[in-house]
Amino acid sequence: MSLPVVAITMGDPAGIGPEIIMRSLAHAEVYAACRPLVVGDACRLVQAGDIVGSKLAVRVVAADTPPLYSPGTVDVLQASDKTTDIPFGAVSPVAGEAAYRYIARACKLVMDGEADAICTAPISKEALHAAGHRYPGHTELLAHLTGTPEVSMMLTAPKLRVIHVTTHIGLIDAIAKINPGLVERTIARGHEVLVKAGIRDPKIGVCAINPHAGENGLFGHGEEETKIAPAVAACRAIGWSVDGPLPADTLFFRAGRGDFDLVVAMYHDQGHGPIKVMGIESGVNITVGLPVVRTSVDHGTAFDIAGTGAADERSLLEALRQGVELARRRDGATDQRPLLA
């Protein structure tokens, strides 16, 4: 079986994306697992390589110069104008436009069958909006580009996996949006990806919204009973191992010790906080429900350190690993080792 082609988007050129890509592609094991193709700006990658002290050669891919996929060489599909004049660490509409183009081009590559997975470096939502692309983030943009009506964000870290019912909206709006159907569909997407990953009967814990899961009506306005419990009951009725709604504070502790394979979080910070405490350096963001495989780093553009050479590539390496494994599963690989370990 040939190695999967992974389209790696460079992210916001003003952030740490170029640096972590150059660091990651210096690891020989990446080329042993996949054929990496960076979608970005070759000039910015050369600049980032100088910053991190990389000895990698950067090579632009074109019709007459196909990718080499060889250790020591970074193959780049040029998808924007030169971005080396953009200062590191600053919001720029030019950088936002470039980041959008990288994502759109990578998405087309996978949709056209020219790549097997997308792995994304971080973008700045503010820069994306300044460029006129009004999406809350990668997840929603990819859903739009693939024509997918509803997707879920799933985060993984050592000893913990979390899928989100709502993500990039305010807390009051999130509570209003949550309903039994949305919760049930989110559980189903999480269940499906874990089964495909080799976990045959995943144990899923579902967070409550209110402290102490509402404590029998003492806290909140009955959200647990009306918005979450019916979805849990529906999933249990078809034989899935789903428990909840449970108090979030104890649920994350229990998941961390191995009681659950997946936690269903109701809103952004409920899920993101524990994941980042458990291991932001190796955290991965997976978009569940797309017709393509997409993984990402679980951190932002880090404008405060961009251009300094201090960025850590471990999250991108883990995102590449999981993207490769998901692509293999989608192509029908029979290896049943658990994924997302």
C-alpha atoms as a PDB file:
ATOM      1  CA  MET A   1       0.000   0.000   0.000  1.00  0.00           C
ATOM      2  CA  SER A   2       1.411   3.426  -0.954  1.00  0.00           C
ATOM      3  CA  LEU A   3       1.875   5.999   1.767  1.00  0.00           C
ATOM      4  CA  PRO A   4      -0.960   8.546   2.089  1.00  0.00           C
ATOM      5  CA  VAL A   5      -0.440  12.062   0.805  1.00  0.00           C
ATOM      6  CA  VAL A   6      -1.080  14.591   3.583  1.00  0.00           C
ATOM      7  CA  ALA A   7      -1.717  18.195   2.553  1.00  0.00           C
ATOM      8  CA  ILE A   8      -0.250  20.368   5.321  1.00  0.00           C
ATOM      9  CA  THR A   9      -1.611  23.910   5.294  1.00  0.00           C
ATOM     10  CA  MET A  10       0.866  26.570   6.422  1.00  0.00           C
ATOM     11  CA  GLY A  11      -1.672  28.467   8.525  1.00  0.00           C
ATOM     12  CA  ASP A  12      -1.363  32.190   9.137  1.00  0.00           C
ATOM     13  CA  PRO A  13       2.020  33.299   7.727  1.00  0.00           C
ATOM     14  CA  ALA A  14       2.417  35.703  10.673  1.00  0.00           C
ATOM     15  CA  GLY A  15       2.076  32.891  13.213  1.00  0.00           C
ATOM     16  CA  ILE A  16       4.184  29.879  14.171  1.00  0.00           C
ATOM     17  CA  GLY A  17       2.827  27.628  11.415  1.00  0.00           C
ATOM     18  CA  PRO A  18       5.838  27.989   9.079  1.00  0.00           C
ATOM     19  CA  GLU A  19       8.258  27.312  11.928  1.00  0.00           C
ATOM     20  CA  ILE A  20       6.546  24.193  13.283  1.00  0.00           C
ATOM     21  CA  ILE A  21       6.238  22.812   9.751  1.00  0.00           C
ATOM     22  CA  MET A  22       9.959  23.198   9.144  1.00  0.00           C
ATOM     23  CA  ARG A  23      10.708  21.606  12.499  1.00  0.00           C
ATOM     24  CA  SER A  24       8.262  18.729  11.936  1.00  0.00           C
ATOM     25  CA  LEU A  25       9.496  17.827   8.474  1.00  0.00           C
ATOM     26  CA  ALA A  26      12.998  17.437   9.843  1.00  0.00           C
ATOM     27  CA  HIS A  27      11.757  14.266  11.585  1.00  0.00           C
ATOM     28  CA  ALA A  28      12.518  11.266   9.357  1.00  0.00           C
ATOM     29  CA  GLU A  29       9.578   9.288  10.776  1.00  0.00           C
ATOM     30  CA  VAL A  30       7.151  11.672   9.061  1.00  0.00           C
ATOM     31  CA  TYR A  31       8.371  10.500   5.650  1.00  0.00           C
ATOM     32  CA  ALA A  32       8.262   6.894   6.798  1.00  0.00           C
ATOM     33  CA  ALA A  33       4.533   7.297   7.504  1.00  0.00           C
ATOM     34  CA  CYS A  34       3.255   9.591   4.746  1.00  0.00           C
ATOM     35  CA  ARG A  35       3.997  11.785   1.758  1.00  0.00           C
ATOM     36  CA  PRO A  36       3.808  15.352   3.126  1.00  0.00           C
ATOM     37  CA  LEU A  37       2.885  18.186   0.784  1.00  0.00           C
ATOM     38  CA  VAL A  38       2.873  21.689   2.247  1.00  0.00           C
ATOM     39  CA  VAL A  39       0.257  24.054   0.853  1.00  0.00           C
ATOM     40  CA  GLY A  40       1.576  27.552   1.507  1.00  0.00           C
ATOM     41  CA  ASP A  41       4.333  29.945   0.549  1.00  0.00           C
ATOM     42  CA  ALA A  42       7.795  28.557  -0.196  1.00  0.00           C
ATOM     43  CA  CYS A  43       9.507  31.880   0.525  1.00  0.00           C
ATOM     44  CA  ARG A  44       8.006  32.093   4.019  1.00  0.00           C
ATOM     45  CA  LEU A  45       9.063  28.511   4.701  1.00  0.00           C
ATOM     46  CA  VAL A  46      12.641  29.305   3.689  1.00  0.00           C
ATOM     47  CA  GLN A  47      12.504  32.280   6.036  1.00  0.00           C
ATOM     48  CA  ALA A  48      11.121  30.100   8.838  1.00  0.00           C
ATOM     49  CA  GLY A  49      13.788  27.508   8.153  1.00  0.00           C
ATOM     50  CA  ASP A  50      16.467  30.129   8.703  1.00  0.00           C
ATOM     51  CA  ILE A  51      14.817  31.143  11.978  1.00  0.00           C
ATOM     52  CA  VAL A  52      14.752  27.604  13.382  1.00  0.00           C
ATOM     53  CA  GLY A  53      18.160  26.661  11.984  1.00  0.00           C
ATOM     54  CA  SER A  54      16.776  24.086   9.569  1.00  0.00           C
ATOM     55  CA  LYS A  55      18.929  22.448   6.897  1.00  0.00           C
ATOM     56  CA  LEU A  56      15.922  21.331   4.851  1.00  0.00           C
ATOM     57  CA  ALA A  57      15.652  22.322   1.205  1.00  0.00           C
ATOM     58  CA  VAL A  58      12.365  23.936   0.144  1.00  0.00           C
ATOM     59  CA  ARG A  59      11.164  22.922  -3.312  1.00  0.00           C
ATOM     60  CA  VAL A  60       8.192  24.380  -5.204  1.00  0.00           C
ATOM     61  CA  VAL A  61       5.937  21.783  -6.819  1.00  0.00           C
ATOM     62  CA  ALA A  62       4.607  22.472 -10.302  1.00  0.00           C
ATOM     63  CA  ALA A  63       3.351  20.528 -13.320  1.00  0.00           C
ATOM     64  CA  ASP A  64       6.908  19.936 -14.507  1.00  0.00           C
ATOM     65  CA  THR A  65       8.371  19.441 -11.014  1.00  0.00           C
ATOM     66  CA  PRO A  66       6.346  16.798  -9.176  1.00  0.00           C
ATOM     67  CA  PRO A  67       6.860  16.251  -5.449  1.00  0.00           C
ATOM     68  CA  LEU A  68       9.860  14.210  -4.335  1.00  0.00           C
ATOM     69  CA  TYR A  69       8.453  13.246  -0.899  1.00  0.00           C
ATOM     70  CA  SER A  70      12.034  12.724   0.212  1.00  0.00           C
ATOM     71  CA  PRO A  71      13.548  13.364   3.659  1.00  0.00           C
ATOM     72  CA  GLY A  72      15.569  16.545   3.594  1.00  0.00           C
ATOM     73  CA  THR A  73      13.257  18.222   1.075  1.00  0.00           C
ATOM     74  CA  VAL A  74      10.057  20.131   1.805  1.00  0.00           C
ATOM     75  CA  ASP A  75       7.673  19.954  -1.153  1.00  0.00           C
ATOM     76  CA  VAL A  76       5.503  23.082  -1.366  1.00  0.00           C
ATOM     77  CA  LEU A  77       2.456  23.790  -3.481  1.00  0.00           C
ATOM     78  CA  GLN A  78       2.560  27.584  -3.826  1.00  0.00           C
ATOM     79  CA  ALA A  79      -0.958  28.796  -2.998  1.00  0.00           C
ATOM     80  CA  SER A  80      -0.469  32.516  -2.306  1.00  0.00           C
ATOM     81  CA  ASP A  81       1.680  35.453  -3.206  1.00  0.00           C
ATOM     82  CA  LYS A  82       4.970  35.888  -1.376  1.00  0.00           C
ATOM     83  CA  THR A  83       4.320  36.579   2.334  1.00  0.00           C
ATOM     84  CA  THR A  84       7.840  37.323   3.613  1.00  0.00           C
ATOM     85  CA  ASP A  85       7.044  41.032   3.977  1.00  0.00           C
ATOM     86  CA  ILE A  86       4.306  40.298   6.524  1.00  0.00           C
ATOM     87  CA  PRO A  87       5.665  40.898  10.050  1.00  0.00           C
ATOM     88  CA  PHE A  88       5.549  37.966  12.428  1.00  0.00           C
ATOM     89  CA  GLY A  89       3.168  38.300  15.353  1.00  0.00           C
ATOM     90  CA  ALA A  90       0.740  40.822  13.841  1.00  0.00           C
ATOM     91  CA  VAL A  91      -2.818  40.488  12.559  1.00  0.00           C
ATOM     92  CA  SER A  92      -2.877  41.118   8.823  1.00  0.00           C
ATOM     93  CA  PRO A  93      -5.691  40.828   6.256  1.00  0.00           C
ATOM     94  CA  VAL A  94      -3.050  39.783   3.713  1.00  0.00           C
ATOM     95  CA  ALA A  95      -2.048  36.908   5.989  1.00  0.00           C
ATOM     96  CA  GLY A  96      -5.720  36.058   6.555  1.00  0.00           C
ATOM     97  CA  GLU A  97      -6.305  35.862   2.808  1.00  0.00           C
ATOM     98  CA  ALA A  98      -3.248  33.655   2.362  1.00  0.00           C
ATOM     99  CA  ALA A  99      -4.383  31.324   5.149  1.00  0.00           C
ATOM    100  CA  TYR A 100      -7.803  31.020   3.511  1.00  0.00           C
ATOM    101  CA  ARG A 101      -6.233  30.126   0.172  1.00  0.00           C
ATOM    102  CA  TYR A 102      -4.108  27.406   1.719  1.00  0.00           C
ATOM    103  CA  ILE A 103      -7.153  25.785   3.295  1.00  0.00           C
ATOM    104  CA  ALA A 104      -9.264  26.055   0.141  1.00  0.00           C
ATOM    105  CA  ARG A 105      -6.497  24.584  -2.033  1.00  0.00           C
ATOM    106  CA  ALA A 106      -5.817  21.711   0.359  1.00  0.00           C
ATOM    107  CA  CYS A 107      -9.519  20.948   0.588  1.00  0.00           C
ATOM    108  CA  LYS A 108      -9.759  20.788  -3.209  1.00  0.00           C
ATOM    109  CA  LEU A 109      -6.765  18.448  -3.350  1.00  0.00           C
ATOM    110  CA  VAL A 110      -8.469  15.970  -1.036  1.00  0.00           C
ATOM    111  CA  MET A 111     -11.896  16.328  -2.625  1.00  0.00           C
ATOM    112  CA  ASP A 112     -10.303  15.685  -6.043  1.00  0.00           C
ATOM    113  CA  GLY A 113      -8.496  12.600  -4.764  1.00  0.00           C
ATOM    114  CA  GLU A 114      -5.017  14.126  -5.091  1.00  0.00           C
ATOM    115  CA  ALA A 115      -4.378  13.947  -1.336  1.00  0.00           C
ATOM    116  CA  ASP A 116      -5.660  11.644   1.397  1.00  0.00           C
ATOM    117  CA  ALA A 117      -5.836  13.972   4.412  1.00  0.00           C
ATOM    118  CA  ILE A 118      -5.500  17.583   5.485  1.00  0.00           C
ATOM    119  CA  CYS A 119      -3.372  18.604   8.463  1.00  0.00           C
ATOM    120  CA  THR A 120      -3.670  22.270   9.375  1.00  0.00           C
ATOM    121  CA  ALA A 121      -1.321  24.701  11.071  1.00  0.00           C
ATOM    122  CA  PRO A 122      -3.060  27.433  13.121  1.00  0.00           C
ATOM    123  CA  ILE A 123      -4.873  30.430  11.689  1.00  0.00           C
ATOM    124  CA  SER A 124      -5.889  33.772  13.172  1.00  0.00           C
ATOM    125  CA  LYS A 125      -9.651  34.165  13.164  1.00  0.00           C
ATOM    126  CA  GLU A 126      -9.212  37.935  13.387  1.00  0.00           C
ATOM    127  CA  ALA A 127      -6.995  37.952  10.295  1.00  0.00           C
ATOM    128  CA  LEU A 128      -9.387  35.639   8.463  1.00  0.00           C
ATOM    129  CA  HIS A 129     -12.261  38.020   9.210  1.00  0.00           C
ATOM    130  CA  ALA A 130     -10.162  41.038   8.214  1.00  0.00           C
ATOM    131  CA  ALA A 131      -9.691  39.377   4.828  1.00  0.00           C
ATOM    132  CA  GLY A 132     -13.465  39.118   4.436  1.00  0.00           C
ATOM    133  CA  HIS A 133     -13.877  35.424   5.273  1.00  0.00           C
ATOM    134  CA  ARG A 134     -16.385  35.471   8.113  1.00  0.00           C
ATOM    135  CA  TYR A 135     -16.052  32.003   9.579  1.00  0.00           C
ATOM    136  CA  PRO A 136     -15.651  31.309  13.311  1.00  0.00           C
ATOM    137  CA  GLY A 137     -12.698  29.021  12.604  1.00  0.00           C
ATOM    138  CA  HIS A 138     -11.231  26.118  10.648  1.00  0.00           C
ATOM    139  CA  THR A 139     -14.072  23.741  11.530  1.00  0.00           C
ATOM    140  CA  GLU A 140     -16.827  25.904  10.082  1.00  0.00           C
ATOM    141  CA  LEU A 141     -14.756  26.910   7.056  1.00  0.00           C
ATOM    142  CA  LEU A 142     -14.023  23.296   6.159  1.00  0.00           C
ATOM    143  CA  ALA A 143     -17.690  22.397   6.565  1.00  0.00           C
ATOM    144  CA  HIS A 144     -18.557  25.183   4.096  1.00  0.00           C
ATOM    145  CA  LEU A 145     -15.874  24.189   1.584  1.00  0.00           C
ATOM    146  CA  THR A 146     -17.001  20.555   1.594  1.00  0.00           C
ATOM    147  CA  GLY A 147     -20.722  21.295   1.612  1.00  0.00           C
ATOM    148  CA  THR A 148     -21.191  19.561   4.959  1.00  0.00           C
ATOM    149  CA  PRO A 149     -24.211  20.826   6.943  1.00  0.00           C
ATOM    150  CA  GLU A 150     -22.991  19.801  10.407  1.00  0.00           C
ATOM    151  CA  VAL A 151     -19.661  18.675  11.861  1.00  0.00           C
ATOM    152  CA  SER A 152     -18.142  18.284  15.300  1.00  0.00           C
ATOM    153  CA  MET A 153     -14.830  19.289  16.837  1.00  0.00           C
ATOM    154  CA  MET A 154     -13.025  16.475  18.589  1.00  0.00           C
ATOM    155  CA  LEU A 155      -9.895  17.078  20.662  1.00  0.00           C
ATOM    156  CA  THR A 156      -7.473  14.421  21.808  1.00  0.00           C
ATOM    157  CA  ALA A 157      -4.680  14.503  24.352  1.00  0.00           C
ATOM    158  CA  PRO A 158      -2.853  11.800  26.262  1.00  0.00           C
ATOM    159  CA  LYS A 159      -5.518   9.946  28.307  1.00  0.00           C
ATOM    160  CA  LEU A 160      -8.446  12.111  27.167  1.00  0.00           C
ATOM    161  CA  ARG A 161     -10.722  12.609  24.143  1.00  0.00           C
ATOM    162  CA  VAL A 162     -13.468  15.243  23.950  1.00  0.00           C
ATOM    163  CA  ILE A 163     -16.103  15.978  21.317  1.00  0.00           C
ATOM    164  CA  HIS A 164     -18.038  19.259  21.447  1.00  0.00           C
ATOM    165  CA  VAL A 165     -21.762  19.860  20.997  1.00  0.00           C
ATOM    166  CA  THR A 166     -21.118  23.585  20.408  1.00  0.00           C
ATOM    167  CA  THR A 167     -17.860  25.423  19.804  1.00  0.00           C
ATOM    168  CA  HIS A 168     -17.228  28.963  18.624  1.00  0.00           C
ATOM    169  CA  ILE A 169     -20.224  30.811  20.032  1.00  0.00           C
ATOM    170  CA  GLY A 170     -20.862  32.620  23.308  1.00  0.00           C
ATOM    171  CA  LEU A 171     -21.935  30.672  26.353  1.00  0.00           C
ATOM    172  CA  ILE A 172     -25.490  32.031  26.460  1.00  0.00           C
ATOM    173  CA  ASP A 173     -25.902  31.272  22.750  1.00  0.00           C
ATOM    174  CA  ALA A 174     -24.429  27.808  23.221  1.00  0.00           C
ATOM    175  CA  ILE A 175     -26.958  26.906  25.919  1.00  0.00           C
ATOM    176  CA  ALA A 176     -29.779  28.144  23.696  1.00  0.00           C
ATOM    177  CA  LYS A 177     -28.499  26.101  20.746  1.00  0.00           C
ATOM    178  CA  ILE A 178     -28.157  22.802  22.613  1.00  0.00           C
ATOM    179  CA  ASN A 179     -31.081  20.455  22.005  1.00  0.00           C
ATOM    180  CA  PRO A 180     -31.605  16.670  22.190  1.00  0.00           C
ATOM    181  CA  GLY A 181     -31.166  16.176  18.444  1.00  0.00           C
ATOM    182  CA  LEU A 182     -27.859  18.036  18.331  1.00  0.00           C
ATOM    183  CA  VAL A 183     -26.559  16.182  21.385  1.00  0.00           C
ATOM    184  CA  GLU A 184     -27.581  12.819  19.920  1.00  0.00           C
ATOM    185  CA  ARG A 185     -25.923  13.570  16.553  1.00  0.00           C
ATOM    186  CA  THR A 186     -22.735  14.656  18.314  1.00  0.00           C
ATOM    187  CA  ILE A 187     -22.626  11.455  20.344  1.00  0.00           C
ATOM    188  CA  ALA A 188     -23.205   9.472  17.149  1.00  0.00           C
ATOM    189  CA  ARG A 189     -20.331  11.176  15.320  1.00  0.00           C
ATOM    190  CA  GLY A 190     -18.013  10.493  18.239  1.00  0.00           C
ATOM    191  CA  HIS A 191     -19.134   6.885  18.486  1.00  0.00           C
ATOM    192  CA  GLU A 192     -18.580   6.357  14.759  1.00  0.00           C
ATOM    193  CA  VAL A 193     -15.024   7.712  14.677  1.00  0.00           C
ATOM    194  CA  LEU A 194     -13.981   5.651  17.705  1.00  0.00           C
ATOM    195  CA  VAL A 195     -15.434   2.456  16.247  1.00  0.00           C
ATOM    196  CA  LYS A 196     -13.555   3.148  12.999  1.00  0.00           C
ATOM    197  CA  ALA A 197     -10.458   3.671  15.128  1.00  0.00           C
ATOM    198  CA  GLY A 198     -10.706   0.138  16.485  1.00  0.00           C
ATOM    199  CA  ILE A 199     -12.545   0.772  19.786  1.00  0.00           C
ATOM    200  CA  ARG A 200     -15.435  -1.643  19.323  1.00  0.00           C
ATOM    201  CA  ASP A 201     -17.721  -0.575  22.174  1.00  0.00           C
ATOM    202  CA  PRO A 202     -16.604   2.917  23.210  1.00  0.00           C
ATOM    203  CA  LYS A 203     -17.653   4.131  26.636  1.00  0.00           C
ATOM    204  CA  ILE A 204     -18.977   7.675  26.309  1.00  0.00           C
ATOM    205  CA  GLY A 205     -19.624  10.118  29.136  1.00  0.00           C
ATOM    206  CA  VAL A 206     -21.864  13.120  28.501  1.00  0.00           C
ATOM    207  CA  CYS A 207     -21.331  16.368  30.398  1.00  0.00           C
ATOM    208  CA  ALA A 208     -24.107  18.288  32.077  1.00  0.00           C
ATOM    209  CA  ILE A 209     -24.456  22.023  31.516  1.00  0.00           C
ATOM    210  CA  ASN A 210     -25.003  23.127  35.102  1.00  0.00           C
ATOM    211  CA  PRO A 211     -22.903  22.517  38.231  1.00  0.00           C
ATOM    212  CA  HIS A 212     -23.559  19.108  39.804  1.00  0.00           C
ATOM    213  CA  ALA A 213     -25.674  18.206  36.737  1.00  0.00           C
ATOM    214  CA  GLY A 214     -28.345  20.576  38.009  1.00  0.00           C
ATOM    215  CA  GLU A 215     -28.633  18.756  41.366  1.00  0.00           C
ATOM    216  CA  ASN A 216     -32.227  17.662  40.739  1.00  0.00           C
ATOM    217  CA  GLY A 217     -33.378  21.114  39.720  1.00  0.00           C
ATOM    218  CA  LEU A 218     -31.484  23.201  42.271  1.00  0.00           C
ATOM    219  CA  PHE A 219     -29.251  24.760  39.603  1.00  0.00           C
ATOM    220  CA  GLY A 220     -30.270  25.974  36.177  1.00  0.00           C
ATOM    221  CA  HIS A 221     -33.644  25.670  34.508  1.00  0.00           C
ATOM    222  CA  GLY A 222     -33.940  21.956  33.869  1.00  0.00           C
ATOM    223  CA  GLU A 223     -31.501  21.915  30.935  1.00  0.00           C
ATOM    224  CA  GLU A 224     -30.163  18.470  31.796  1.00  0.00           C
ATOM    225  CA  GLU A 225     -33.617  16.882  31.703  1.00  0.00           C
ATOM    226  CA  THR A 226     -34.854  18.657  28.582  1.00  0.00           C
ATOM    227  CA  LYS A 227     -31.747  19.075  26.418  1.00  0.00           C
ATOM    228  CA  ILE A 228     -29.386  16.192  27.258  1.00  0.00           C
ATOM    229  CA  ALA A 229     -31.120  13.253  28.955  1.00  0.00           C
ATOM    230  CA  PRO A 230     -33.367  12.386  25.946  1.00  0.00           C
ATOM    231  CA  ALA A 231     -30.299  12.106  23.692  1.00  0.00           C
ATOM    232  CA  VAL A 232     -28.519   9.840  26.161  1.00  0.00           C
ATOM    233  CA  ALA A 233     -31.608   7.658  26.443  1.00  0.00           C
ATOM    234  CA  ALA A 234     -31.895   7.376  22.654  1.00  0.00           C
ATOM    235  CA  CYS A 235     -28.268   6.269  22.330  1.00  0.00           C
ATOM    236  CA  ARG A 236     -28.579   3.746  25.157  1.00  0.00           C
ATOM    237  CA  ALA A 237     -31.707   2.343  23.508  1.00  0.00           C
ATOM    238  CA  ILE A 238     -29.653   1.203  20.506  1.00  0.00           C
ATOM    239  CA  GLY A 239     -27.126  -0.500  22.742  1.00  0.00           C
ATOM    240  CA  TRP A 240     -24.362   2.099  23.016  1.00  0.00           C
ATOM    241  CA  SER A 241     -22.439   2.559  26.267  1.00  0.00           C
ATOM    242  CA  VAL A 242     -23.425   6.154  26.996  1.00  0.00           C
ATOM    243  CA  ASP A 243     -23.749   7.673  30.477  1.00  0.00           C
ATOM    244  CA  GLY A 244     -24.994  11.105  31.488  1.00  0.00           C
ATOM    245  CA  PRO A 245     -25.675  13.886  31.936  1.00  0.00           C
ATOM    246  CA  LEU A 246     -22.839  13.827  34.477  1.00  0.00           C
ATOM    247  CA  PRO A 247     -21.185  16.641  36.463  1.00  0.00           C
ATOM    248  CA  ALA A 248     -18.354  17.855  34.251  1.00  0.00           C
ATOM    249  CA  ASP A 249     -15.793  18.240  37.032  1.00  0.00           C
ATOM    250  CA  THR A 250     -15.907  14.586  38.082  1.00  0.00           C
ATOM    251  CA  LEU A 251     -16.515  13.280  34.551  1.00  0.00           C
ATOM    252  CA  PHE A 252     -13.214  14.644  33.259  1.00  0.00           C
ATOM    253  CA  PHE A 253     -11.404  13.144  36.238  1.00  0.00           C
ATOM    254  CA  ARG A 254     -12.996   9.767  35.579  1.00  0.00           C
ATOM    255  CA  ALA A 255     -12.199   9.945  31.861  1.00  0.00           C
ATOM    256  CA  GLY A 256      -8.592  10.794  32.655  1.00  0.00           C
ATOM    257  CA  ARG A 257      -8.230   7.637  34.723  1.00  0.00           C
ATOM    258  CA  GLY A 258      -9.721   5.515  31.954  1.00  0.00           C
ATOM    259  CA  ASP A 259     -13.406   5.097  32.819  1.00  0.00           C
ATOM    260  CA  PHE A 260     -14.526   6.622  29.497  1.00  0.00           C
ATOM    261  CA  ASP A 261     -13.138   6.576  25.953  1.00  0.00           C
ATOM    262  CA  LEU A 262     -14.812   9.871  25.050  1.00  0.00           C
ATOM    263  CA  VAL A 263     -16.323  12.861  26.826  1.00  0.00           C
ATOM    264  CA  VAL A 264     -19.091  14.880  25.174  1.00  0.00           C
ATOM    265  CA  ALA A 265     -18.682  18.540  26.178  1.00  0.00           C
ATOM    266  CA  MET A 266     -21.553  20.965  25.830  1.00  0.00           C
ATOM    267  CA  TYR A 267     -19.569  24.112  25.011  1.00  0.00           C
ATOM    268  CA  HIS A 268     -16.096  25.275  23.961  1.00  0.00           C
ATOM    269  CA  ASP A 269     -14.300  25.943  27.237  1.00  0.00           C
ATOM    270  CA  GLN A 270     -15.898  23.006  29.030  1.00  0.00           C
ATOM    271  CA  GLY A 271     -13.974  20.699  26.703  1.00  0.00           C
ATOM    272  CA  HIS A 272     -10.927  22.743  25.760  1.00  0.00           C
ATOM    273  CA  GLY A 273      -9.751  23.497  29.295  1.00  0.00           C
ATOM    274  CA  PRO A 274      -9.231  19.896  30.443  1.00  0.00           C
ATOM    275  CA  ILE A 275      -7.654  18.882  27.131  1.00  0.00           C
ATOM    276  CA  LYS A 276      -5.069  21.630  27.339  1.00  0.00           C
ATOM    277  CA  VAL A 277      -4.265  20.829  30.947  1.00  0.00           C
ATOM    278  CA  MET A 278      -3.800  17.174  30.033  1.00  0.00           C
ATOM    279  CA  GLY A 279      -1.283  17.900  27.267  1.00  0.00           C
ATOM    280  CA  ILE A 280      -1.488  20.849  24.888  1.00  0.00           C
ATOM    281  CA  GLU A 281       1.959  19.943  23.510  1.00  0.00           C
ATOM    282  CA  SER A 282       0.570  16.757  21.974  1.00  0.00           C
ATOM    283  CA  GLY A 283      -3.072  17.751  21.636  1.00  0.00           C
ATOM    284  CA  VAL A 284      -4.841  17.244  18.301  1.00  0.00           C
ATOM    285  CA  ASN A 285      -8.022  18.721  16.819  1.00  0.00           C
ATOM    286  CA  ILE A 286     -10.019  16.396  14.541  1.00  0.00           C
ATOM    287  CA  THR A 287     -13.020  17.566  12.529  1.00  0.00           C
ATOM    288  CA  VAL A 288     -15.586  14.757  12.713  1.00  0.00           C
ATOM    289  CA  GLY A 289     -18.287  14.421  10.069  1.00  0.00           C
ATOM    290  CA  LEU A 290     -16.430  15.809   7.040  1.00  0.00           C
ATOM    291  CA  PRO A 291     -16.155  13.778   3.828  1.00  0.00           C
ATOM    292  CA  VAL A 292     -12.378  14.287   4.134  1.00  0.00           C
ATOM    293  CA  VAL A 293      -9.860  13.555   6.888  1.00  0.00           C
ATOM    294  CA  ARG A 294      -8.752  16.684   8.714  1.00  0.00           C
ATOM    295  CA  THR A 295      -6.550  16.954  11.762  1.00  0.00           C
ATOM    296  CA  SER A 296      -4.915  20.002  13.286  1.00  0.00           C
ATOM    297  CA  VAL A 297      -2.690  21.257  16.045  1.00  0.00           C
ATOM    298  CA  ASP A 298      -4.492  22.053  19.281  1.00  0.00           C
ATOM    299  CA  HIS A 299      -3.008  25.513  19.733  1.00  0.00           C
ATOM    300  CA  GLY A 300      -3.184  28.936  18.180  1.00  0.00           C
ATOM    301  CA  THR A 301      -0.890  31.103  16.121  1.00  0.00           C
ATOM    302  CA  ALA A 302       1.180  32.073  19.198  1.00  0.00           C
ATOM    303  CA  PHE A 303       1.841  35.564  17.842  1.00  0.00           C
ATOM    304  CA  ASP A 304       3.814  36.320  21.004  1.00  0.00           C
ATOM    305  CA  ILE A 305       6.593  33.921  20.007  1.00  0.00           C
ATOM    306  CA  ALA A 306       6.157  33.810  16.215  1.00  0.00           C
ATOM    307  CA  GLY A 307       9.395  34.483  14.400  1.00  0.00           C
ATOM    308  CA  THR A 308      11.579  33.694  17.419  1.00  0.00           C
ATOM    309  CA  GLY A 309      12.253  30.013  16.736  1.00  0.00           C
ATOM    310  CA  ALA A 310      10.798  28.999  20.103  1.00  0.00           C
ATOM    311  CA  ALA A 311       7.718  27.150  18.768  1.00  0.00           C
ATOM    312  CA  ASP A 312       7.199  23.494  19.715  1.00  0.00           C
ATOM    313  CA  GLU A 313       6.299  21.104  16.880  1.00  0.00           C
ATOM    314  CA  ARG A 314       4.990  18.168  18.955  1.00  0.00           C
ATOM    315  CA  SER A 315       1.295  18.908  18.425  1.00  0.00           C
ATOM    316  CA  LEU A 316       1.796  19.052  14.647  1.00  0.00           C
ATOM    317  CA  LEU A 317       3.702  15.771  14.676  1.00  0.00           C
ATOM    318  CA  GLU A 318       0.852  14.114  16.578  1.00  0.00           C
ATOM    319  CA  ALA A 319      -1.728  15.669  14.232  1.00  0.00           C
ATOM    320  CA  LEU A 320       0.168  14.221  11.270  1.00  0.00           C
ATOM    321  CA  ARG A 321       0.288  10.797  12.919  1.00  0.00           C
ATOM    322  CA  GLN A 322      -3.427  10.754  13.606  1.00  0.00           C
ATOM    323  CA  GLY A 323      -4.256  12.102  10.138  1.00  0.00           C
ATOM    324  CA  VAL A 324      -2.270   9.264   8.578  1.00  0.00           C
ATOM    325  CA  GLU A 325      -4.029   6.671  10.720  1.00  0.00           C
ATOM    326  CA  LEU A 326      -7.485   8.068   9.935  1.00  0.00           C
ATOM    327  CA  ALA A 327      -6.664   8.080   6.218  1.00  0.00           C
ATOM    328  CA  ARG A 328      -5.538   4.459   6.419  1.00  0.00           C
ATOM    329  CA  ARG A 329      -8.744   3.450   8.200  1.00  0.00           C
ATOM    330  CA  ARG A 330     -10.844   5.243   5.607  1.00  0.00           C
ATOM    331  CA  ASP A 331      -9.013   3.366   2.848  1.00  0.00           C
ATOM    332  CA  GLY A 332      -9.877   0.057   4.489  1.00  0.00           C
ATOM    333  CA  ALA A 333      -6.685  -0.869   6.301  1.00  0.00           C
ATOM    334  CA  THR A 334      -7.275  -3.986   8.392  1.00  0.00           C
ATOM    335  CA  ASP A 335      -4.840  -3.221  11.202  1.00  0.00           C
ATOM    336  CA  GLN A 336      -6.991  -3.144  14.344  1.00  0.00           C
ATOM    337  CA  ARG A 337      -4.583  -1.407  16.711  1.00  0.00           C
ATOM    338  CA  PRO A 338      -6.452   1.306  18.639  1.00  0.00           C
ATOM    339  CA  LEU A 339      -6.126   4.776  17.140  1.00  0.00           C
ATOM    340  CA  LEU A 340      -6.115   8.031  19.106  1.00  0.00           C
ATOM    341  CA  ALA A 341      -4.225   6.353  21.949  1.00  0.00           C
END
